[in-house]
Amino acid sequence: MIELYNKRDLEPERWGVTNYPRTVNHEDMGDLGLTDQEVDDLVALLAAFTDQNLLKIPEGNIFPQVPLGVPQTEERKAFFLTKRRHDLTVPRRPGGN
């Protein structure tokens, strides 16, 4: 995508024709003027933000495995539902609970 936004307007034959030409932003994207090194740097930065666990998902699975020790949804709900909550609709006395 970075390459597309960087050179779309400079090399239109490379990217083909869009079916929705009125939606193409030519003011902010399409000719960013980035060097090849800057493109490589941006790709490396985005790779650093990529959760590597998502890259290890076996084919056919939609979601990654939950690591051992992470509580299930029901356990989390039980933890939070058993906590005492203050009734915020009742005014409190100064210095009282």
PDB file of N, CA and C in Angstrom:
ATOM      1  N   MET A   1       0.819  -1.179   0.000  1.00  0.00           N
ATOM      2  CA  MET A   1       0.000   0.000   0.000  1.00  0.00           C
ATOM      3  C   MET A   1       0.870   1.252   0.000  1.00  0.00           C
ATOM      4  N   ILE A   2       1.987   1.193   0.702  1.00  0.00           N
ATOM      5  CA  ILE A   2       2.864   2.366   0.737  1.00  0.00           C
ATOM      6  C   ILE A   2       3.375   2.682  -0.665  1.00  0.00           C
ATOM      7  N   GLU A   3       3.747   1.648  -1.382  1.00  0.00           N
ATOM      8  CA  GLU A   3       4.236   1.836  -2.751  1.00  0.00           C
ATOM      9  C   GLU A   3       3.131   2.422  -3.638  1.00  0.00           C
ATOM     10  N   LEU A   4       1.910   1.946  -3.457  1.00  0.00           N
ATOM     11  CA  LEU A   4       0.780   2.463  -4.232  1.00  0.00           C
ATOM     12  C   LEU A   4       0.577   3.949  -3.948  1.00  0.00           C
ATOM     13  N   TYR A   5       0.516   4.303  -2.670  1.00  0.00           N
ATOM     14  CA  TYR A   5       0.295   5.712  -2.326  1.00  0.00           C
ATOM     15  C   TYR A   5       1.472   6.588  -2.725  1.00  0.00           C
ATOM     16  N   ASN A   6       2.649   6.017  -2.777  1.00  0.00           N
ATOM     17  CA  ASN A   6       3.843   6.781  -3.130  1.00  0.00           C
ATOM     18  C   ASN A   6       3.936   7.040  -4.636  1.00  0.00           C
ATOM     19  N   LYS A   7       3.537   6.069  -5.472  1.00  0.00           N
ATOM     20  CA  LYS A   7       3.789   6.198  -6.918  1.00  0.00           C
ATOM     21  C   LYS A   7       2.562   6.016  -7.806  1.00  0.00           C
ATOM     22  N   ARG A   8       1.382   5.972  -7.213  1.00  0.00           N
ATOM     23  CA  ARG A   8       0.173   5.719  -8.006  1.00  0.00           C
ATOM     24  C   ARG A   8       0.015   6.706  -9.155  1.00  0.00           C
ATOM     25  N   ASP A   9       0.216   7.994  -8.877  1.00  0.00           N
ATOM     26  CA  ASP A   9       0.005   9.000  -9.911  1.00  0.00           C
ATOM     27  C   ASP A   9       1.180   9.110 -10.871  1.00  0.00           C
ATOM     28  N   LEU A  10       2.349   8.634 -10.461  1.00  0.00           N
ATOM     29  CA  LEU A  10       3.533   8.681 -11.321  1.00  0.00           C
ATOM     30  C   LEU A  10       3.583   7.503 -12.293  1.00  0.00           C
ATOM     31  N   GLU A  11       3.000   6.372 -11.886  1.00  0.00           N
ATOM     32  CA  GLU A  11       3.024   5.157 -12.709  1.00  0.00           C
ATOM     33  C   GLU A  11       1.613   4.576 -12.817  1.00  0.00           C
ATOM     34  N   PRO A  12       0.668   5.296 -13.426  1.00  0.00           N
ATOM     35  CA  PRO A  12      -0.718   4.822 -13.448  1.00  0.00           C
ATOM     36  C   PRO A  12      -0.887   3.489 -14.177  1.00  0.00           C
ATOM     37  N   GLU A  13      -0.044   3.214 -15.161  1.00  0.00           N
ATOM     38  CA  GLU A  13      -0.156   1.945 -15.889  1.00  0.00           C
ATOM     39  C   GLU A  13       0.175   0.749 -15.000  1.00  0.00           C
ATOM     40  N   ARG A  14       0.975   0.973 -13.988  1.00  0.00           N
ATOM     41  CA  ARG A  14       1.365  -0.093 -13.057  1.00  0.00           C
ATOM     42  C   ARG A  14       0.195  -0.528 -12.179  1.00  0.00           C
ATOM     43  N   TRP A  15      -0.708   0.407 -11.857  1.00  0.00           N
ATOM     44  CA  TRP A  15      -1.761   0.137 -10.889  1.00  0.00           C
ATOM     45  C   TRP A  15      -3.117  -0.108 -11.526  1.00  0.00           C
ATOM     46  N   GLY A  16      -3.258   0.186 -12.777  1.00  0.00           N
ATOM     47  CA  GLY A  16      -4.538  -0.045 -13.437  1.00  0.00           C
ATOM     48  C   GLY A  16      -5.544   1.055 -13.148  1.00  0.00           C
ATOM     49  N   VAL A  17      -6.716   0.902 -13.709  1.00  0.00           N
ATOM     50  CA  VAL A  17      -7.764   1.916 -13.605  1.00  0.00           C
ATOM     51  C   VAL A  17      -8.730   1.509 -12.491  1.00  0.00           C
ATOM     52  N   THR A  18      -9.131   2.485 -11.699  1.00  0.00           N
ATOM     53  CA  THR A  18     -10.107   2.214 -10.645  1.00  0.00           C
ATOM     54  C   THR A  18     -11.527   2.295 -11.183  1.00  0.00           C
ATOM     55  N   ASN A  19     -12.415   1.562 -10.541  1.00  0.00           N
ATOM     56  CA  ASN A  19     -13.830   1.631 -10.916  1.00  0.00           C
ATOM     57  C   ASN A  19     -14.516   2.841 -10.293  1.00  0.00           C
ATOM     58  N   TYR A  20     -13.829   3.503  -9.364  1.00  0.00           N
ATOM     59  CA  TYR A  20     -14.404   4.630  -8.642  1.00  0.00           C
ATOM     60  C   TYR A  20     -13.450   5.828  -8.667  1.00  0.00           C
ATOM     61  N   PRO A  21     -13.216   6.411  -9.827  1.00  0.00           N
ATOM     62  CA  PRO A  21     -12.215   7.476  -9.949  1.00  0.00           C
ATOM     63  C   PRO A  21     -12.509   8.719  -9.108  1.00  0.00           C
ATOM     64  N   ARG A  22     -13.766   9.002  -8.830  1.00  0.00           N
ATOM     65  CA  ARG A  22     -14.081  10.205  -8.039  1.00  0.00           C
ATOM     66  C   ARG A  22     -13.702  10.046  -6.568  1.00  0.00           C
ATOM     67  N   THR A  23     -13.433   8.821  -6.135  1.00  0.00           N
ATOM     68  CA  THR A  23     -13.077   8.600  -4.734  1.00  0.00           C
ATOM     69  C   THR A  23     -11.562   8.599  -4.502  1.00  0.00           C
ATOM     70  N   VAL A  24     -10.776   8.742  -5.554  1.00  0.00           N
ATOM     71  CA  VAL A  24      -9.319   8.706  -5.427  1.00  0.00           C
ATOM     72  C   VAL A  24      -8.811  10.058  -4.924  1.00  0.00           C
ATOM     73  N   ASN A  25      -8.039  10.022  -3.860  1.00  0.00           N
ATOM     74  CA  ASN A  25      -7.468  11.230  -3.265  1.00  0.00           C
ATOM     75  C   ASN A  25      -6.139  11.536  -3.956  1.00  0.00           C
ATOM     76  N   HIS A  26      -6.139  12.550  -4.822  1.00  0.00           N
ATOM     77  CA  HIS A  26      -4.915  12.946  -5.527  1.00  0.00           C
ATOM     78  C   HIS A  26      -4.177  14.066  -4.807  1.00  0.00           C
ATOM     79  N   GLU A  27      -4.815  14.677  -3.814  1.00  0.00           N
ATOM     80  CA  GLU A  27      -4.168  15.776  -3.098  1.00  0.00           C
ATOM     81  C   GLU A  27      -3.173  15.292  -2.054  1.00  0.00           C
ATOM     82  N   ASP A  28      -3.541  14.240  -1.317  1.00  0.00           N
ATOM     83  CA  ASP A  28      -2.706  13.768  -0.212  1.00  0.00           C
ATOM     84  C   ASP A  28      -1.913  12.502  -0.528  1.00  0.00           C
ATOM     85  N   MET A  29      -2.342  11.742  -1.523  1.00  0.00           N
ATOM     86  CA  MET A  29      -1.689  10.469  -1.836  1.00  0.00           C
ATOM     87  C   MET A  29      -1.529  10.311  -3.337  1.00  0.00           C
ATOM     88  N   GLY A  30      -0.610   9.434  -3.708  1.00  0.00           N
ATOM     89  CA  GLY A  30      -0.411   9.142  -5.119  1.00  0.00           C
ATOM     90  C   GLY A  30       0.945   9.588  -5.622  1.00  0.00           C
ATOM     91  N   ASP A  31       1.500  10.612  -4.989  1.00  0.00           N
ATOM     92  CA  ASP A  31       2.836  11.103  -5.332  1.00  0.00           C
ATOM     93  C   ASP A  31       3.464  11.671  -4.061  1.00  0.00           C
ATOM     94  N   LEU A  32       3.826  10.757  -3.139  1.00  0.00           N
ATOM     95  CA  LEU A  32       4.364  11.186  -1.848  1.00  0.00           C
ATOM     96  C   LEU A  32       5.810  11.639  -1.935  1.00  0.00           C
ATOM     97  N   GLY A  33       6.510  11.224  -2.990  1.00  0.00           N
ATOM     98  CA  GLY A  33       7.903  11.628  -3.152  1.00  0.00           C
ATOM     99  C   GLY A  33       8.866  10.902  -2.226  1.00  0.00           C
ATOM    100  N   LEU A  34       8.467   9.724  -1.740  1.00  0.00           N
ATOM    101  CA  LEU A  34       9.347   8.959  -0.863  1.00  0.00           C
ATOM    102  C   LEU A  34      10.417   8.234  -1.668  1.00  0.00           C
ATOM    103  N   THR A  35      11.616   8.156  -1.112  1.00  0.00           N
ATOM    104  CA  THR A  35      12.680   7.381  -1.744  1.00  0.00           C
ATOM    105  C   THR A  35      12.439   5.908  -1.452  1.00  0.00           C
ATOM    106  N   ASP A  36      13.147   5.037  -2.159  1.00  0.00           N
ATOM    107  CA  ASP A  36      13.036   3.601  -1.901  1.00  0.00           C
ATOM    108  C   ASP A  36      13.431   3.285  -0.458  1.00  0.00           C
ATOM    109  N   GLN A  37      14.436   3.984   0.054  1.00  0.00           N
ATOM    110  CA  GLN A  37      14.863   3.757   1.443  1.00  0.00           C
ATOM    111  C   GLN A  37      13.772   4.171   2.424  1.00  0.00           C
ATOM    112  N   GLU A  38      13.103   5.269   2.165  1.00  0.00           N
ATOM    113  CA  GLU A  38      12.018   5.706   3.040  1.00  0.00           C
ATOM    114  C   GLU A  38      10.850   4.727   3.015  1.00  0.00           C
ATOM    115  N   VAL A  39      10.553   4.181   1.849  1.00  0.00           N
ATOM    116  CA  VAL A  39       9.501   3.162   1.744  1.00  0.00           C
ATOM    117  C   VAL A  39       9.905   1.939   2.560  1.00  0.00           C
ATOM    118  N   ASP A  40      11.153   1.482   2.401  1.00  0.00           N
ATOM    119  CA  ASP A  40      11.631   0.329   3.172  1.00  0.00           C
ATOM    120  C   ASP A  40      11.556   0.597   4.672  1.00  0.00           C
ATOM    121  N   ASP A  41      11.901   1.809   5.080  1.00  0.00           N
ATOM    122  CA  ASP A  41      11.853   2.167   6.497  1.00  0.00           C
ATOM    123  C   ASP A  41      10.415   2.141   7.030  1.00  0.00           C
ATOM    124  N   LEU A  42       9.484   2.654   6.252  1.00  0.00           N
ATOM    125  CA  LEU A  42       8.079   2.624   6.665  1.00  0.00           C
ATOM    126  C   LEU A  42       7.547   1.201   6.771  1.00  0.00           C
ATOM    127  N   VAL A  43       7.916   0.360   5.828  1.00  0.00           N
ATOM    128  CA  VAL A  43       7.494  -1.043   5.864  1.00  0.00           C
ATOM    129  C   VAL A  43       8.067  -1.717   7.110  1.00  0.00           C
ATOM    130  N   ALA A  44       9.330  -1.438   7.439  1.00  0.00           N
ATOM    131  CA  ALA A  44       9.946  -2.008   8.635  1.00  0.00           C
ATOM    132  C   ALA A  44       9.240  -1.514   9.895  1.00  0.00           C
ATOM    133  N   LEU A  45       8.871  -0.243   9.927  1.00  0.00           N
ATOM    134  CA  LEU A  45       8.161   0.299  11.080  1.00  0.00           C
ATOM    135  C   LEU A  45       6.815  -0.390  11.258  1.00  0.00           C
ATOM    136  N   LEU A  46       6.071  -0.548  10.179  1.00  0.00           N
ATOM    137  CA  LEU A  46       4.775  -1.218  10.261  1.00  0.00           C
ATOM    138  C   LEU A  46       4.931  -2.678  10.670  1.00  0.00           C
ATOM    139  N   ALA A  47       5.991  -3.329  10.208  1.00  0.00           N
ATOM    140  CA  ALA A  47       6.240  -4.716  10.611  1.00  0.00           C
ATOM    141  C   ALA A  47       6.500  -4.801  12.108  1.00  0.00           C
ATOM    142  N   ALA A  48       7.140  -3.787  12.671  1.00  0.00           N
ATOM    143  CA  ALA A  48       7.409  -3.771  14.107  1.00  0.00           C
ATOM    144  C   ALA A  48       6.108  -3.683  14.904  1.00  0.00           C
ATOM    145  N   PHE A  49       5.078  -3.081  14.331  1.00  0.00           N
ATOM    146  CA  PHE A  49       3.788  -2.969  15.008  1.00  0.00           C
ATOM    147  C   PHE A  49       2.901  -4.196  14.791  1.00  0.00           C
ATOM    148  N   THR A  50       3.319  -5.111  13.953  1.00  0.00           N
ATOM    149  CA  THR A  50       2.515  -6.282  13.639  1.00  0.00           C
ATOM    150  C   THR A  50       2.653  -7.320  14.740  1.00  0.00           C
ATOM    151  N   ASP A  51       1.534  -7.798  15.260  1.00  0.00           N
ATOM    152  CA  ASP A  51       1.544  -8.853  16.265  1.00  0.00           C
ATOM    153  C   ASP A  51       2.019 -10.133  15.581  1.00  0.00           C
ATOM    154  N   GLN A  52       3.194 -10.590  15.946  1.00  0.00           N
ATOM    155  CA  GLN A  52       3.794 -11.765  15.303  1.00  0.00           C
ATOM    156  C   GLN A  52       2.957 -13.022  15.503  1.00  0.00           C
ATOM    157  N   ASN A  53       2.131 -13.067  16.559  1.00  0.00           N
ATOM    158  CA  ASN A  53       1.255 -14.221  16.765  1.00  0.00           C
ATOM    159  C   ASN A  53       0.249 -14.361  15.633  1.00  0.00           C
ATOM    160  N   LEU A  54      -0.133 -13.254  15.034  1.00  0.00           N
ATOM    161  CA  LEU A  54      -1.082 -13.322  13.923  1.00  0.00           C
ATOM    162  C   LEU A  54      -0.474 -13.981  12.699  1.00  0.00           C
ATOM    163  N   LEU A  55       0.840 -13.928  12.588  1.00  0.00           N
ATOM    164  CA  LEU A  55       1.515 -14.540  11.450  1.00  0.00           C
ATOM    165  C   LEU A  55       1.668 -16.043  11.614  1.00  0.00           C
ATOM    166  N   LYS A  56       1.420 -16.560  12.827  1.00  0.00           N
ATOM    167  CA  LYS A  56       1.601 -17.978  13.121  1.00  0.00           C
ATOM    168  C   LYS A  56       0.275 -18.741  13.166  1.00  0.00           C
ATOM    169  N   ILE A  57      -0.805 -18.142  12.714  1.00  0.00           N
ATOM    170  CA  ILE A  57      -2.106 -18.792  12.755  1.00  0.00           C
ATOM    171  C   ILE A  57      -2.138 -19.918  11.728  1.00  0.00           C
ATOM    172  N   PRO A  58      -2.435 -21.153  12.164  1.00  0.00           N
ATOM    173  CA  PRO A  58      -2.527 -22.253  11.196  1.00  0.00           C
ATOM    174  C   PRO A  58      -3.639 -21.999  10.175  1.00  0.00           C
ATOM    175  N   GLU A  59      -3.428 -22.482   8.984  1.00  0.00           N
ATOM    176  CA  GLU A  59      -4.426 -22.286   7.930  1.00  0.00           C
ATOM    177  C   GLU A  59      -5.747 -22.918   8.345  1.00  0.00           C
ATOM    178  N   GLY A  60      -6.817 -22.227   8.104  1.00  0.00           N
ATOM    179  CA  GLY A  60      -8.142 -22.711   8.472  1.00  0.00           C
ATOM    180  C   GLY A  60      -8.636 -22.121   9.781  1.00  0.00           C
ATOM    181  N   ASN A  61      -7.729 -21.636  10.619  1.00  0.00           N
ATOM    182  CA  ASN A  61      -8.132 -20.966  11.862  1.00  0.00           C
ATOM    183  C   ASN A  61      -8.371 -19.498  11.570  1.00  0.00           C
ATOM    184  N   ILE A  62      -9.362 -18.935  12.209  1.00  0.00           N
ATOM    185  CA  ILE A  62      -9.658 -17.531  12.008  1.00  0.00           C
ATOM    186  C   ILE A  62      -8.917 -16.677  13.028  1.00  0.00           C
ATOM    187  N   PHE A  63      -8.820 -17.189  14.267  1.00  0.00           N
ATOM    188  CA  PHE A  63      -8.212 -16.431  15.351  1.00  0.00           C
ATOM    189  C   PHE A  63      -7.004 -17.180  15.908  1.00  0.00           C
ATOM    190  N   PRO A  64      -6.049 -16.440  16.470  1.00  0.00           N
ATOM    191  CA  PRO A  64      -4.901 -17.107  17.093  1.00  0.00           C
ATOM    192  C   PRO A  64      -5.310 -17.808  18.381  1.00  0.00           C
ATOM    193  N   GLN A  65      -4.501 -18.761  18.822  1.00  0.00           N
ATOM    194  CA  GLN A  65      -4.736 -19.450  20.080  1.00  0.00           C
ATOM    195  C   GLN A  65      -4.550 -18.477  21.242  1.00  0.00           C
ATOM    196  N   VAL A  66      -5.358 -18.627  22.257  1.00  0.00           N
ATOM    197  CA  VAL A  66      -5.204 -17.813  23.458  1.00  0.00           C
ATOM    198  C   VAL A  66      -4.068 -18.429  24.272  1.00  0.00           C
ATOM    199  N   PRO A  67      -3.079 -17.629  24.668  1.00  0.00           N
ATOM    200  CA  PRO A  67      -1.956 -18.173  25.444  1.00  0.00           C
ATOM    201  C   PRO A  67      -2.433 -18.772  26.768  1.00  0.00           C
ATOM    202  N   LEU A  68      -1.731 -19.793  27.239  1.00  0.00           N
ATOM    203  CA  LEU A  68      -2.050 -20.416  28.517  1.00  0.00           C
ATOM    204  C   LEU A  68      -1.961 -19.374  29.624  1.00  0.00           C
ATOM    205  N   GLY A  69      -2.878 -19.454  30.576  1.00  0.00           N
ATOM    206  CA  GLY A  69      -2.873 -18.526  31.695  1.00  0.00           C
ATOM    207  C   GLY A  69      -3.771 -17.322  31.506  1.00  0.00           C
ATOM    208  N   VAL A  70      -4.233 -17.086  30.297  1.00  0.00           N
ATOM    209  CA  VAL A  70      -5.142 -15.960  30.058  1.00  0.00           C
ATOM    210  C   VAL A  70      -6.546 -16.426  30.431  1.00  0.00           C
ATOM    211  N   PRO A  71      -7.225 -15.699  31.336  1.00  0.00           N
ATOM    212  CA  PRO A  71      -8.556 -16.152  31.782  1.00  0.00           C
ATOM    213  C   PRO A  71      -9.574 -16.084  30.649  1.00  0.00           C
ATOM    214  N   GLN A  72     -10.486 -17.021  30.672  1.00  0.00           N
ATOM    215  CA  GLN A  72     -11.565 -17.047  29.695  1.00  0.00           C
ATOM    216  C   GLN A  72     -12.563 -15.942  30.016  1.00  0.00           C
ATOM    217  N   THR A  73     -13.434 -15.617  29.084  1.00  0.00           N
ATOM    218  CA  THR A  73     -14.402 -14.547  29.263  1.00  0.00           C
ATOM    219  C   THR A  73     -15.262 -14.769  30.501  1.00  0.00           C
ATOM    220  N   GLU A  74     -15.703 -16.007  30.714  1.00  0.00           N
ATOM    221  CA  GLU A  74     -16.562 -16.301  31.859  1.00  0.00           C
ATOM    222  C   GLU A  74     -15.824 -16.034  33.166  1.00  0.00           C
ATOM    223  N   GLU A  75     -14.531 -16.375  33.223  1.00  0.00           N
ATOM    224  CA  GLU A  75     -13.747 -16.139  34.431  1.00  0.00           C
ATOM    225  C   GLU A  75     -13.583 -14.643  34.700  1.00  0.00           C
ATOM    226  N   ARG A  76     -13.374 -13.882  33.652  1.00  0.00           N
ATOM    227  CA  ARG A  76     -13.235 -12.433  33.819  1.00  0.00           C
ATOM    228  C   ARG A  76     -14.542 -11.826  34.301  1.00  0.00           C
ATOM    229  N   LYS A  77     -15.662 -12.266  33.711  1.00  0.00           N
ATOM    230  CA  LYS A  77     -16.961 -11.751  34.135  1.00  0.00           C
ATOM    231  C   LYS A  77     -17.204 -12.075  35.604  1.00  0.00           C
ATOM    232  N   ALA A  78     -16.917 -13.306  36.007  1.00  0.00           N
ATOM    233  CA  ALA A  78     -17.131 -13.706  37.399  1.00  0.00           C
ATOM    234  C   ALA A  78     -16.278 -12.855  38.330  1.00  0.00           C
ATOM    235  N   PHE A  79     -15.070 -12.549  37.949  1.00  0.00           N
ATOM    236  CA  PHE A  79     -14.190 -11.733  38.786  1.00  0.00           C
ATOM    237  C   PHE A  79     -14.777 -10.352  38.999  1.00  0.00           C
ATOM    238  N   PHE A  80     -15.226  -9.718  37.928  1.00  0.00           N
ATOM    239  CA  PHE A  80     -15.718  -8.354  38.044  1.00  0.00           C
ATOM    240  C   PHE A  80     -17.126  -8.286  38.626  1.00  0.00           C
ATOM    241  N   LEU A  81     -17.952  -9.283  38.385  1.00  0.00           N
ATOM    242  CA  LEU A  81     -19.320  -9.251  38.898  1.00  0.00           C
ATOM    243  C   LEU A  81     -19.376  -9.489  40.399  1.00  0.00           C
ATOM    244  N   THR A  82     -18.361 -10.128  40.976  1.00  0.00           N
ATOM    245  CA  THR A  82     -18.380 -10.395  42.415  1.00  0.00           C
ATOM    246  C   THR A  82     -17.840  -9.227  43.218  1.00  0.00           C
ATOM    247  N   LYS A  83     -17.296  -8.237  42.584  1.00  0.00           N
ATOM    248  CA  LYS A  83     -16.770  -7.078  43.294  1.00  0.00           C
ATOM    249  C   LYS A  83     -17.916  -6.193  43.766  1.00  0.00           C
ATOM    250  N   ARG A  84     -17.805  -5.675  44.991  1.00  0.00           N
ATOM    251  CA  ARG A  84     -18.823  -4.787  45.546  1.00  0.00           C
ATOM    252  C   ARG A  84     -18.726  -3.432  44.852  1.00  0.00           C
ATOM    253  N   ARG A  85     -19.851  -2.948  44.437  1.00  0.00           N
ATOM    254  CA  ARG A  85     -19.895  -1.643  43.780  1.00  0.00           C
ATOM    255  C   ARG A  85     -20.656  -0.668  44.664  1.00  0.00           C
ATOM    256  N   HIS A  86     -20.232   0.569  44.660  1.00  0.00           N
ATOM    257  CA  HIS A  86     -20.926   1.594  45.417  1.00  0.00           C
ATOM    258  C   HIS A  86     -22.160   2.035  44.652  1.00  0.00           C
ATOM    259  N   ASP A  87     -23.209   2.294  45.371  1.00  0.00           N
ATOM    260  CA  ASP A  87     -24.435   2.806  44.763  1.00  0.00           C
ATOM    261  C   ASP A  87     -24.252   4.310  44.576  1.00  0.00           C
ATOM    262  N   LEU A  88     -24.029   4.730  43.356  1.00  0.00           N
ATOM    263  CA  LEU A  88     -23.755   6.133  43.069  1.00  0.00           C
ATOM    264  C   LEU A  88     -25.012   6.996  43.081  1.00  0.00           C
ATOM    265  N   THR A  89     -26.182   6.361  43.181  1.00  0.00           N
ATOM    266  CA  THR A  89     -27.426   7.134  43.204  1.00  0.00           C
ATOM    267  C   THR A  89     -27.742   7.640  44.602  1.00  0.00           C
ATOM    268  N   VAL A  90     -27.092   7.093  45.628  1.00  0.00           N
ATOM    269  CA  VAL A  90     -27.323   7.501  47.013  1.00  0.00           C
ATOM    270  C   VAL A  90     -26.272   8.532  47.394  1.00  0.00           C
ATOM    271  N   PRO A  91     -26.701   9.737  47.838  1.00  0.00           N
ATOM    272  CA  PRO A  91     -25.704  10.741  48.224  1.00  0.00           C
ATOM    273  C   PRO A  91     -24.913  10.270  49.444  1.00  0.00           C
ATOM    274  N   ARG A  92     -23.645  10.601  49.486  1.00  0.00           N
ATOM    275  CA  ARG A  92     -22.783  10.221  50.598  1.00  0.00           C
ATOM    276  C   ARG A  92     -22.638  11.397  51.552  1.00  0.00           C
ATOM    277  N   ARG A  93     -22.465  11.066  52.812  1.00  0.00           N
ATOM    278  CA  ARG A  93     -22.229  12.092  53.818  1.00  0.00           C
ATOM    279  C   ARG A  93     -20.743  12.427  53.846  1.00  0.00           C
ATOM    280  N   PRO A  94     -20.402  13.673  54.058  1.00  0.00           N
ATOM    281  CA  PRO A  94     -18.986  14.022  54.196  1.00  0.00           C
ATOM    282  C   PRO A  94     -18.376  13.243  55.349  1.00  0.00           C
ATOM    283  N   GLY A  95     -17.236  12.615  55.122  1.00  0.00           N
ATOM    284  CA  GLY A  95     -16.539  11.841  56.146  1.00  0.00           C
ATOM    285  C   GLY A  95     -17.095  10.452  56.327  1.00  0.00           C
ATOM    286  N   GLY A  96     -18.206  10.120  55.684  1.00  0.00           N
ATOM    287  CA  GLY A  96     -18.793   8.779  55.812  1.00  0.00           C
ATOM    288  C   GLY A  96     -18.382   7.890  54.658  1.00  0.00           C
ATOM    289  N   ASN A  97     -18.852   6.633  54.701  1.00  0.00           N
ATOM    290  CA  ASN A  97     -18.518   5.690  53.625  1.00  0.00           C
ATOM    291  C   ASN A  97     -19.511   5.802  52.530  1.00  0.00           C
TER     292      ASN A  97
END
